[in-house]
Amino acid sequence: MPRKSVTKQTNSRRVFTPAFKTDAVQMLLDGHSAASVVERLGITNTKMLYRWKQEQLAASGPIANAMDNKLRALESELRRVERERDILKKVAPSSLGEGNDYVLII
């Protein structure tokens, strides 16, 4: 049985335009998850996307870094408030049921 000849392929790296990188980072900053951006745009991995983000923030200067830090703080605060809300949603119906002599004030 004859063997198949294997041809060695050269590993050519994909080259992304600056506009593509900017659009990808903007999607990330708009609230899309890194995994969804990578999947939608066909990027190799999330590390590349985060590297592009760091490069753009470094090029933008200290104002962009301050905005990024503020965004992270706000997202953290939002997650905390959502957890508190979810806890209150679970507690409220049971405390407002028939026969209870107390009311939960929010």
PDB file of N, CA and C in Angstrom:
ATOM      1  N   MET A   1       0.840  -1.175   0.000  1.00  0.00           N
ATOM      2  CA  MET A   1       0.000   0.000   0.000  1.00  0.00           C
ATOM      3  C   MET A   1       0.889   1.244   0.000  1.00  0.00           C
ATOM      4  N   PRO A   2       0.695   2.131  -0.955  1.00  0.00           N
ATOM      5  CA  PRO A   2       1.563   3.305  -1.038  1.00  0.00           C
ATOM      6  C   PRO A   2       1.290   4.277   0.116  1.00  0.00           C
ATOM      7  N   ARG A   3       2.330   4.918   0.582  1.00  0.00           N
ATOM      8  CA  ARG A   3       2.204   5.924   1.638  1.00  0.00           C
ATOM      9  C   ARG A   3       1.780   7.253   1.041  1.00  0.00           C
ATOM     10  N   LYS A   4       1.041   7.982   1.844  1.00  0.00           N
ATOM     11  CA  LYS A   4       0.658   9.316   1.403  1.00  0.00           C
ATOM     12  C   LYS A   4       1.825  10.263   1.615  1.00  0.00           C
ATOM     13  N   SER A   5       2.047  11.090   0.656  1.00  0.00           N
ATOM     14  CA  SER A   5       3.111  12.073   0.835  1.00  0.00           C
ATOM     15  C   SER A   5       2.566  13.244   1.649  1.00  0.00           C
ATOM     16  N   VAL A   6       3.325  13.658   2.614  1.00  0.00           N
ATOM     17  CA  VAL A   6       2.915  14.757   3.480  1.00  0.00           C
ATOM     18  C   VAL A   6       3.707  15.985   3.079  1.00  0.00           C
ATOM     19  N   THR A   7       2.988  17.015   2.772  1.00  0.00           N
ATOM     20  CA  THR A   7       3.673  18.261   2.448  1.00  0.00           C
ATOM     21  C   THR A   7       3.660  19.149   3.679  1.00  0.00           C
ATOM     22  N   LYS A   8       4.769  19.721   3.947  1.00  0.00           N
ATOM     23  CA  LYS A   8       4.897  20.580   5.117  1.00  0.00           C
ATOM     24  C   LYS A   8       4.341  21.954   4.775  1.00  0.00           C
ATOM     25  N   GLN A   9       3.392  22.387   5.576  1.00  0.00           N
ATOM     26  CA  GLN A   9       2.809  23.700   5.352  1.00  0.00           C
ATOM     27  C   GLN A   9       3.574  24.718   6.181  1.00  0.00           C
ATOM     28  N   THR A  10       3.772  25.854   5.604  1.00  0.00           N
ATOM     29  CA  THR A  10       4.430  26.909   6.368  1.00  0.00           C
ATOM     30  C   THR A  10       3.397  27.562   7.263  1.00  0.00           C
ATOM     31  N   ASN A  11       3.792  27.842   8.466  1.00  0.00           N
ATOM     32  CA  ASN A  11       2.883  28.498   9.404  1.00  0.00           C
ATOM     33  C   ASN A  11       2.868  29.987   9.109  1.00  0.00           C
ATOM     34  N   SER A  12       1.847  30.407   8.423  1.00  0.00           N
ATOM     35  CA  SER A  12       1.721  31.829   8.144  1.00  0.00           C
ATOM     36  C   SER A  12       0.819  32.442   9.209  1.00  0.00           C
ATOM     37  N   ARG A  13       1.265  33.513   9.758  1.00  0.00           N
ATOM     38  CA  ARG A  13       0.506  34.170  10.808  1.00  0.00           C
ATOM     39  C   ARG A  13      -0.515  35.103  10.180  1.00  0.00           C
ATOM     40  N   ARG A  14      -1.663  35.147  10.790  1.00  0.00           N
ATOM     41  CA  ARG A  14      -2.686  36.068  10.314  1.00  0.00           C
ATOM     42  C   ARG A  14      -2.296  37.473  10.722  1.00  0.00           C
ATOM     43  N   VAL A  15      -2.577  38.401   9.859  1.00  0.00           N
ATOM     44  CA  VAL A  15      -2.282  39.805  10.137  1.00  0.00           C
ATOM     45  C   VAL A  15      -3.608  40.543  10.222  1.00  0.00           C
ATOM     46  N   PHE A  16      -3.812  41.218  11.348  1.00  0.00           N
ATOM     47  CA  PHE A  16      -5.046  41.961  11.559  1.00  0.00           C
ATOM     48  C   PHE A  16      -4.765  43.449  11.377  1.00  0.00           C
ATOM     49  N   THR A  17      -5.683  44.124  10.741  1.00  0.00           N
ATOM     50  CA  THR A  17      -5.518  45.556  10.523  1.00  0.00           C
ATOM     51  C   THR A  17      -5.773  46.308  11.826  1.00  0.00           C
ATOM     52  N   PRO A  18      -5.216  47.498  11.948  1.00  0.00           N
ATOM     53  CA  PRO A  18      -5.490  48.301  13.147  1.00  0.00           C
ATOM     54  C   PRO A  18      -6.983  48.590  13.339  1.00  0.00           C
ATOM     55  N   ALA A  19      -7.706  48.766  12.253  1.00  0.00           N
ATOM     56  CA  ALA A  19      -9.148  49.019  12.354  1.00  0.00           C
ATOM     57  C   ALA A  19      -9.868  47.799  12.928  1.00  0.00           C
ATOM     58  N   PHE A  20      -9.470  46.601  12.507  1.00  0.00           N
ATOM     59  CA  PHE A  20     -10.072  45.368  13.026  1.00  0.00           C
ATOM     60  C   PHE A  20      -9.814  45.250  14.518  1.00  0.00           C
ATOM     61  N   LYS A  21      -8.561  45.522  14.923  1.00  0.00           N
ATOM     62  CA  LYS A  21      -8.204  45.446  16.341  1.00  0.00           C
ATOM     63  C   LYS A  21      -9.014  46.453  17.156  1.00  0.00           C
ATOM     64  N   THR A  22      -9.153  47.648  16.634  1.00  0.00           N
ATOM     65  CA  THR A  22      -9.921  48.687  17.328  1.00  0.00           C
ATOM     66  C   THR A  22     -11.373  48.276  17.479  1.00  0.00           C
ATOM     67  N   ASP A  23     -11.952  47.723  16.429  1.00  0.00           N
ATOM     68  CA  ASP A  23     -13.346  47.278  16.491  1.00  0.00           C
ATOM     69  C   ASP A  23     -13.517  46.136  17.494  1.00  0.00           C
ATOM     70  N   ALA A  24     -12.566  45.212  17.517  1.00  0.00           N
ATOM     71  CA  ALA A  24     -12.640  44.090  18.449  1.00  0.00           C
ATOM     72  C   ALA A  24     -12.569  44.582  19.889  1.00  0.00           C
ATOM     73  N   VAL A  25     -11.661  45.492  20.164  1.00  0.00           N
ATOM     74  CA  VAL A  25     -11.527  46.044  21.520  1.00  0.00           C
ATOM     75  C   VAL A  25     -12.774  46.845  21.886  1.00  0.00           C
ATOM     76  N   GLN A  26     -13.329  47.557  20.932  1.00  0.00           N
ATOM     77  CA  GLN A  26     -14.538  48.337  21.206  1.00  0.00           C
ATOM     78  C   GLN A  26     -15.702  47.418  21.576  1.00  0.00           C
ATOM     79  N   MET A  27     -15.796  46.273  20.912  1.00  0.00           N
ATOM     80  CA  MET A  27     -16.835  45.306  21.266  1.00  0.00           C
ATOM     81  C   MET A  27     -16.648  44.840  22.708  1.00  0.00           C
ATOM     82  N   LEU A  28     -15.400  44.621  23.090  1.00  0.00           N
ATOM     83  CA  LEU A  28     -15.095  44.205  24.459  1.00  0.00           C
ATOM     84  C   LEU A  28     -15.481  45.293  25.449  1.00  0.00           C
ATOM     85  N   LEU A  29     -15.170  46.532  25.125  1.00  0.00           N
ATOM     86  CA  LEU A  29     -15.493  47.655  26.007  1.00  0.00           C
ATOM     87  C   LEU A  29     -16.992  47.951  26.057  1.00  0.00           C
ATOM     88  N   ASP A  30     -17.711  47.557  25.016  1.00  0.00           N
ATOM     89  CA  ASP A  30     -19.158  47.771  24.982  1.00  0.00           C
ATOM     90  C   ASP A  30     -19.925  46.774  25.837  1.00  0.00           C
ATOM     91  N   GLY A  31     -19.198  45.821  26.417  1.00  0.00           N
ATOM     92  CA  GLY A  31     -19.850  44.891  27.326  1.00  0.00           C
ATOM     93  C   GLY A  31     -19.957  43.460  26.852  1.00  0.00           C
ATOM     94  N   HIS A  32     -19.502  43.193  25.647  1.00  0.00           N
ATOM     95  CA  HIS A  32     -19.506  41.809  25.172  1.00  0.00           C
ATOM     96  C   HIS A  32     -18.418  41.039  25.908  1.00  0.00           C
ATOM     97  N   SER A  33     -18.648  39.776  26.156  1.00  0.00           N
ATOM     98  CA  SER A  33     -17.617  38.967  26.811  1.00  0.00           C
ATOM     99  C   SER A  33     -16.485  38.710  25.822  1.00  0.00           C
ATOM    100  N   ALA A  34     -15.293  38.507  26.368  1.00  0.00           N
ATOM    101  CA  ALA A  34     -14.133  38.265  25.514  1.00  0.00           C
ATOM    102  C   ALA A  34     -14.344  37.000  24.688  1.00  0.00           C
ATOM    103  N   ALA A  35     -14.943  35.986  25.300  1.00  0.00           N
ATOM    104  CA  ALA A  35     -15.181  34.733  24.576  1.00  0.00           C
ATOM    105  C   ALA A  35     -16.106  34.942  23.386  1.00  0.00           C
ATOM    106  N   SER A  36     -17.148  35.766  23.557  1.00  0.00           N
ATOM    107  CA  SER A  36     -18.074  35.984  22.445  1.00  0.00           C
ATOM    108  C   SER A  36     -17.424  36.806  21.329  1.00  0.00           C
ATOM    109  N   VAL A  37     -16.584  37.768  21.686  1.00  0.00           N
ATOM    110  CA  VAL A  37     -15.891  38.568  20.671  1.00  0.00           C
ATOM    111  C   VAL A  37     -14.949  37.677  19.870  1.00  0.00           C
ATOM    112  N   VAL A  38     -14.205  36.837  20.577  1.00  0.00           N
ATOM    113  CA  VAL A  38     -13.270  35.924  19.913  1.00  0.00           C
ATOM    114  C   VAL A  38     -14.010  34.994  18.965  1.00  0.00           C
ATOM    115  N   GLU A  39     -15.127  34.456  19.427  1.00  0.00           N
ATOM    116  CA  GLU A  39     -15.893  33.530  18.593  1.00  0.00           C
ATOM    117  C   GLU A  39     -16.480  34.227  17.379  1.00  0.00           C
ATOM    118  N   ARG A  40     -17.059  35.403  17.583  1.00  0.00           N
ATOM    119  CA  ARG A  40     -17.694  36.125  16.472  1.00  0.00           C
ATOM    120  C   ARG A  40     -16.705  36.549  15.400  1.00  0.00           C
ATOM    121  N   LEU A  41     -15.517  36.987  15.840  1.00  0.00           N
ATOM    122  CA  LEU A  41     -14.560  37.532  14.881  1.00  0.00           C
ATOM    123  C   LEU A  41     -13.533  36.522  14.398  1.00  0.00           C
ATOM    124  N   GLY A  42     -13.538  35.329  14.967  1.00  0.00           N
ATOM    125  CA  GLY A  42     -12.605  34.305  14.520  1.00  0.00           C
ATOM    126  C   GLY A  42     -11.180  34.545  14.964  1.00  0.00           C
ATOM    127  N   ILE A  43     -11.016  35.167  16.112  1.00  0.00           N
ATOM    128  CA  ILE A  43      -9.681  35.408  16.672  1.00  0.00           C
ATOM    129  C   ILE A  43      -9.237  34.132  17.368  1.00  0.00           C
ATOM    130  N   THR A  44      -7.940  33.918  17.435  1.00  0.00           N
ATOM    131  CA  THR A  44      -7.394  32.682  17.984  1.00  0.00           C
ATOM    132  C   THR A  44      -7.750  32.478  19.451  1.00  0.00           C
ATOM    133  N   ASN A  45      -7.508  33.480  20.292  1.00  0.00           N
ATOM    134  CA  ASN A  45      -7.793  33.323  21.711  1.00  0.00           C
ATOM    135  C   ASN A  45      -8.036  34.672  22.381  1.00  0.00           C
ATOM    136  N   THR A  46      -8.475  34.606  23.619  1.00  0.00           N
ATOM    137  CA  THR A  46      -8.800  35.833  24.340  1.00  0.00           C
ATOM    138  C   THR A  46      -7.553  36.607  24.754  1.00  0.00           C
ATOM    139  N   LYS A  47      -6.439  35.920  24.920  1.00  0.00           N
ATOM    140  CA  LYS A  47      -5.199  36.616  25.302  1.00  0.00           C
ATOM    141  C   LYS A  47      -4.827  37.669  24.267  1.00  0.00           C
ATOM    142  N   MET A  48      -5.032  37.339  23.014  1.00  0.00           N
ATOM    143  CA  MET A  48      -4.719  38.283  21.945  1.00  0.00           C
ATOM    144  C   MET A  48      -5.604  39.521  22.060  1.00  0.00           C
ATOM    145  N   LEU A  49      -6.880  39.303  22.333  1.00  0.00           N
ATOM    146  CA  LEU A  49      -7.815  40.411  22.458  1.00  0.00           C
ATOM    147  C   LEU A  49      -7.438  41.316  23.631  1.00  0.00           C
ATOM    148  N   TYR A  50      -7.109  40.707  24.767  1.00  0.00           N
ATOM    149  CA  TYR A  50      -6.708  41.504  25.930  1.00  0.00           C
ATOM    150  C   TYR A  50      -5.386  42.235  25.688  1.00  0.00           C
ATOM    151  N   ARG A  51      -4.491  41.656  24.912  1.00  0.00           N
ATOM    152  CA  ARG A  51      -3.232  42.333  24.573  1.00  0.00           C
ATOM    153  C   ARG A  51      -3.519  43.556  23.714  1.00  0.00           C
ATOM    154  N   TRP A  52      -4.423  43.415  22.739  1.00  0.00           N
ATOM    155  CA  TRP A  52      -4.805  44.556  21.911  1.00  0.00           C
ATOM    156  C   TRP A  52      -5.403  45.662  22.776  1.00  0.00           C
ATOM    157  N   LYS A  53      -6.212  45.268  23.739  1.00  0.00           N
ATOM    158  CA  LYS A  53      -6.831  46.255  24.628  1.00  0.00           C
ATOM    159  C   LYS A  53      -5.757  47.014  25.406  1.00  0.00           C
ATOM    160  N   GLN A  54      -4.785  46.291  25.966  1.00  0.00           N
ATOM    161  CA  GLN A  54      -3.706  46.926  26.716  1.00  0.00           C
ATOM    162  C   GLN A  54      -2.895  47.865  25.826  1.00  0.00           C
ATOM    163  N   GLU A  55      -2.631  47.445  24.590  1.00  0.00           N
ATOM    164  CA  GLU A  55      -1.880  48.287  23.661  1.00  0.00           C
ATOM    165  C   GLU A  55      -2.638  49.573  23.360  1.00  0.00           C
ATOM    166  N   GLN A  56      -3.940  49.463  23.158  1.00  0.00           N
ATOM    167  CA  GLN A  56      -4.728  50.649  22.862  1.00  0.00           C
ATOM    168  C   GLN A  56      -4.835  51.574  24.066  1.00  0.00           C
ATOM    169  N   LEU A  57      -4.959  50.994  25.258  1.00  0.00           N
ATOM    170  CA  LEU A  57      -5.006  51.822  26.462  1.00  0.00           C
ATOM    171  C   LEU A  57      -3.680  52.528  26.690  1.00  0.00           C
ATOM    172  N   ALA A  58      -2.577  51.831  26.437  1.00  0.00           N
ATOM    173  CA  ALA A  58      -1.263  52.447  26.604  1.00  0.00           C
ATOM    174  C   ALA A  58      -1.071  53.592  25.606  1.00  0.00           C
ATOM    175  N   ALA A  59      -1.563  53.398  24.395  1.00  0.00           N
ATOM    176  CA  ALA A  59      -1.438  54.441  23.381  1.00  0.00           C
ATOM    177  C   ALA A  59      -2.348  55.629  23.672  1.00  0.00           C
ATOM    178  N   SER A  60      -3.445  55.390  24.380  1.00  0.00           N
ATOM    179  CA  SER A  60      -4.400  56.453  24.664  1.00  0.00           C
ATOM    180  C   SER A  60      -3.985  57.330  25.831  1.00  0.00           C
ATOM    181  N   GLY A  61      -3.120  56.820  26.685  1.00  0.00           N
ATOM    182  CA  GLY A  61      -2.620  57.628  27.788  1.00  0.00           C
ATOM    183  C   GLY A  61      -3.353  57.397  29.088  1.00  0.00           C
ATOM    184  N   PRO A  62      -3.077  58.246  30.080  1.00  0.00           N
ATOM    185  CA  PRO A  62      -3.610  58.042  31.428  1.00  0.00           C
ATOM    186  C   PRO A  62      -5.127  58.210  31.543  1.00  0.00           C
ATOM    187  N   ILE A  63      -5.719  58.992  30.683  1.00  0.00           N
ATOM    188  CA  ILE A  63      -7.175  59.181  30.760  1.00  0.00           C
ATOM    189  C   ILE A  63      -7.891  57.874  30.442  1.00  0.00           C
ATOM    190  N   ALA A  64      -7.408  57.162  29.436  1.00  0.00           N
ATOM    191  CA  ALA A  64      -8.026  55.881  29.076  1.00  0.00           C
ATOM    192  C   ALA A  64      -7.853  54.871  30.211  1.00  0.00           C
ATOM    193  N   ASN A  65      -6.685  54.871  30.858  1.00  0.00           N
ATOM    194  CA  ASN A  65      -6.473  53.960  31.977  1.00  0.00           C
ATOM    195  C   ASN A  65      -7.417  54.288  33.128  1.00  0.00           C
ATOM    196  N   ALA A  66      -7.607  55.556  33.392  1.00  0.00           N
ATOM    197  CA  ALA A  66      -8.521  55.968  34.460  1.00  0.00           C
ATOM    198  C   ALA A  66      -9.949  55.546  34.124  1.00  0.00           C
ATOM    199  N   MET A  67     -10.338  55.688  32.872  1.00  0.00           N
ATOM    200  CA  MET A  67     -11.680  55.285  32.453  1.00  0.00           C
ATOM    201  C   MET A  67     -11.843  53.770  32.567  1.00  0.00           C
ATOM    202  N   ASP A  68     -10.807  53.021  32.214  1.00  0.00           N
ATOM    203  CA  ASP A  68     -10.863  51.569  32.319  1.00  0.00           C
ATOM    204  C   ASP A  68     -10.995  51.145  33.780  1.00  0.00           C
ATOM    205  N   ASN A  69     -10.245  51.788  34.658  1.00  0.00           N
ATOM    206  CA  ASN A  69     -10.347  51.475  36.088  1.00  0.00           C
ATOM    207  C   ASN A  69     -11.727  51.822  36.628  1.00  0.00           C
ATOM    208  N   LYS A  70     -12.279  52.940  36.206  1.00  0.00           N
ATOM    209  CA  LYS A  70     -13.617  53.340  36.638  1.00  0.00           C
ATOM    210  C   LYS A  70     -14.657  52.344  36.136  1.00  0.00           C
ATOM    211  N   LEU A  71     -14.499  51.889  34.898  1.00  0.00           N
ATOM    212  CA  LEU A  71     -15.414  50.898  34.330  1.00  0.00           C
ATOM    213  C   LEU A  71     -15.380  49.602  35.134  1.00  0.00           C
ATOM    214  N   ARG A  72     -14.194  49.150  35.493  1.00  0.00           N
ATOM    215  CA  ARG A  72     -14.071  47.936  36.297  1.00  0.00           C
ATOM    216  C   ARG A  72     -14.749  48.107  37.656  1.00  0.00           C
ATOM    217  N   ALA A  73     -14.569  49.265  38.271  1.00  0.00           N
ATOM    218  CA  ALA A  73     -15.187  49.517  39.569  1.00  0.00           C
ATOM    219  C   ALA A  73     -16.707  49.517  39.452  1.00  0.00           C
ATOM    220  N   LEU A  74     -17.222  50.138  38.409  1.00  0.00           N
ATOM    221  CA  LEU A  74     -18.673  50.174  38.208  1.00  0.00           C
ATOM    222  C   LEU A  74     -19.236  48.783  37.925  1.00  0.00           C
ATOM    223  N   GLU A  75     -18.522  47.983  37.143  1.00  0.00           N
ATOM    224  CA  GLU A  75     -18.981  46.622  36.879  1.00  0.00           C
ATOM    225  C   GLU A  75     -18.999  45.792  38.158  1.00  0.00           C
ATOM    226  N   SER A  76     -17.999  45.986  38.992  1.00  0.00           N
ATOM    227  CA  SER A  76     -17.944  45.285  40.270  1.00  0.00           C
ATOM    228  C   SER A  76     -19.113  45.697  41.155  1.00  0.00           C
ATOM    229  N   GLU A  77     -19.381  46.988  41.205  1.00  0.00           N
ATOM    230  CA  GLU A  77     -20.510  47.513  41.994  1.00  0.00           C
ATOM    231  C   GLU A  77     -21.829  46.957  41.462  1.00  0.00           C
ATOM    232  N   LEU A  78     -21.968  46.896  40.145  1.00  0.00           N
ATOM    233  CA  LEU A  78     -23.184  46.368  39.545  1.00  0.00           C
ATOM    234  C   LEU A  78     -23.398  44.912  39.935  1.00  0.00           C
ATOM    235  N   ARG A  79     -22.342  44.100  39.885  1.00  0.00           N
ATOM    236  CA  ARG A  79     -22.470  42.693  40.283  1.00  0.00           C
ATOM    237  C   ARG A  79     -22.886  42.567  41.744  1.00  0.00           C
ATOM    238  N   ARG A  80     -22.330  43.414  42.617  1.00  0.00           N
ATOM    239  CA  ARG A  80     -22.682  43.383  44.033  1.00  0.00           C
ATOM    240  C   ARG A  80     -24.150  43.743  44.242  1.00  0.00           C
ATOM    241  N   VAL A  81     -24.606  44.784  43.579  1.00  0.00           N
ATOM    242  CA  VAL A  81     -25.993  45.219  43.708  1.00  0.00           C
ATOM    243  C   VAL A  81     -26.947  44.164  43.151  1.00  0.00           C
ATOM    244  N   GLU A  82     -26.576  43.524  42.046  1.00  0.00           N
ATOM    245  CA  GLU A  82     -27.420  42.459  41.488  1.00  0.00           C
ATOM    246  C   GLU A  82     -27.530  41.280  42.449  1.00  0.00           C
ATOM    247  N   ARG A  83     -26.421  40.928  43.114  1.00  0.00           N
ATOM    248  CA  ARG A  83     -26.476  39.849  44.113  1.00  0.00           C
ATOM    249  C   ARG A  83     -27.401  40.224  45.265  1.00  0.00           C
ATOM    250  N   GLU A  84     -27.300  41.472  45.735  1.00  0.00           N
ATOM    251  CA  GLU A  84     -28.180  41.928  46.818  1.00  0.00           C
ATOM    252  C   GLU A  84     -29.639  41.875  46.383  1.00  0.00           C
ATOM    253  N   ARG A  85     -29.910  42.310  45.168  1.00  0.00           N
ATOM    254  CA  ARG A  85     -31.270  42.293  44.643  1.00  0.00           C
ATOM    255  C   ARG A  85     -31.808  40.866  44.569  1.00  0.00           C
ATOM    256  N   ASP A  86     -30.971  39.948  44.098  1.00  0.00           N
ATOM    257  CA  ASP A  86     -31.400  38.554  43.984  1.00  0.00           C
ATOM    258  C   ASP A  86     -31.713  37.958  45.357  1.00  0.00           C
ATOM    259  N   ILE A  87     -30.919  38.317  46.343  1.00  0.00           N
ATOM    260  CA  ILE A  87     -31.184  37.836  47.701  1.00  0.00           C
ATOM    261  C   ILE A  87     -32.512  38.389  48.207  1.00  0.00           C
ATOM    262  N   LEU A  88     -32.739  39.667  47.981  1.00  0.00           N
ATOM    263  CA  LEU A  88     -34.000  40.275  48.423  1.00  0.00           C
ATOM    264  C   LEU A  88     -35.198  39.692  47.687  1.00  0.00           C
ATOM    265  N   LYS A  89     -35.038  39.347  46.436  1.00  0.00           N
ATOM    266  CA  LYS A  89     -36.129  38.726  45.687  1.00  0.00           C
ATOM    267  C   LYS A  89     -36.505  37.376  46.287  1.00  0.00           C
ATOM    268  N   LYS A  90     -35.504  36.646  46.760  1.00  0.00           N
ATOM    269  CA  LYS A  90     -35.769  35.339  47.356  1.00  0.00           C
ATOM    270  C   LYS A  90     -36.425  35.476  48.716  1.00  0.00           C
ATOM    271  N   VAL A  91     -36.059  36.494  49.478  1.00  0.00           N
ATOM    272  CA  VAL A  91     -36.572  36.682  50.830  1.00  0.00           C
ATOM    273  C   VAL A  91     -37.964  37.304  50.807  1.00  0.00           C
ATOM    274  N   ALA A  92     -38.222  38.236  49.942  1.00  0.00           N
ATOM    275  CA  ALA A  92     -39.463  39.002  49.942  1.00  0.00           C
ATOM    276  C   ALA A  92     -40.722  38.145  49.813  1.00  0.00           C
ATOM    277  N   PRO A  93     -40.834  37.223  48.883  1.00  0.00           N
ATOM    278  CA  PRO A  93     -42.082  36.460  48.765  1.00  0.00           C
ATOM    279  C   PRO A  93     -42.391  35.637  50.016  1.00  0.00           C
ATOM    280  N   SER A  94     -41.387  35.047  50.643  1.00  0.00           N
ATOM    281  CA  SER A  94     -41.652  34.228  51.825  1.00  0.00           C
ATOM    282  C   SER A  94     -42.030  35.084  53.020  1.00  0.00           C
ATOM    283  N   SER A  95     -41.522  36.296  53.084  1.00  0.00           N
ATOM    284  CA  SER A  95     -41.838  37.145  54.234  1.00  0.00           C
ATOM    285  C   SER A  95     -43.167  37.872  54.061  1.00  0.00           C
ATOM    286  N   LEU A  96     -43.687  37.918  52.856  1.00  0.00           N
ATOM    287  CA  LEU A  96     -44.950  38.603  52.610  1.00  0.00           C
ATOM    288  C   LEU A  96     -46.119  37.628  52.501  1.00  0.00           C
ATOM    289  N   GLY A  97     -45.886  36.361  52.800  1.00  0.00           N
ATOM    290  CA  GLY A  97     -46.925  35.342  52.682  1.00  0.00           C
ATOM    291  C   GLY A  97     -48.021  35.517  53.720  1.00  0.00           C
ATOM    292  N   GLU A  98     -49.075  34.758  53.572  1.00  0.00           N
ATOM    293  CA  GLU A  98     -50.226  34.815  54.477  1.00  0.00           C
ATOM    294  C   GLU A  98     -49.817  34.417  55.892  1.00  0.00           C
ATOM    295  N   GLY A  99     -50.384  35.090  56.861  1.00  0.00           N
ATOM    296  CA  GLY A  99     -50.172  34.737  58.262  1.00  0.00           C
ATOM    297  C   GLY A  99     -48.948  35.368  58.901  1.00  0.00           C
ATOM    298  N   ASN A 100     -48.156  36.100  58.137  1.00  0.00           N
ATOM    299  CA  ASN A 100     -46.994  36.741  58.730  1.00  0.00           C
ATOM    300  C   ASN A 100     -47.416  38.101  59.305  1.00  0.00           C
ATOM    301  N   ASP A 101     -46.859  38.409  60.454  1.00  0.00           N
ATOM    302  CA  ASP A 101     -47.201  39.680  61.105  1.00  0.00           C
ATOM    303  C   ASP A 101     -46.187  40.764  60.819  1.00  0.00           C
ATOM    304  N   TYR A 102     -45.263  40.531  59.951  1.00  0.00           N
ATOM    305  CA  TYR A 102     -44.259  41.525  59.643  1.00  0.00           C
ATOM    306  C   TYR A 102     -44.144  41.713  58.135  1.00  0.00           C
ATOM    307  N   VAL A 103     -43.619  42.843  57.753  1.00  0.00           N
ATOM    308  CA  VAL A 103     -43.463  43.168  56.336  1.00  0.00           C
ATOM    309  C   VAL A 103     -42.010  43.587  56.118  1.00  0.00           C
ATOM    310  N   LEU A 104     -41.423  43.110  55.050  1.00  0.00           N
ATOM    311  CA  LEU A 104     -40.059  43.477  54.704  1.00  0.00           C
ATOM    312  C   LEU A 104     -40.104  44.821  53.997  1.00  0.00           C
ATOM    313  N   ILE A 105     -39.402  45.797  54.539  1.00  0.00           N
ATOM    314  CA  ILE A 105     -39.345  47.140  53.939  1.00  0.00           C
ATOM    315  C   ILE A 105     -38.033  47.265  53.204  1.00  0.00           C
ATOM    316  N   ILE A 106     -38.144  47.610  51.945  1.00  0.00           N
ATOM    317  CA  ILE A 106     -36.938  47.740  51.096  1.00  0.00           C
ATOM    318  C   ILE A 106     -36.664  49.190  50.860  1.00  0.00           C
TER     319      ILE A 106
END
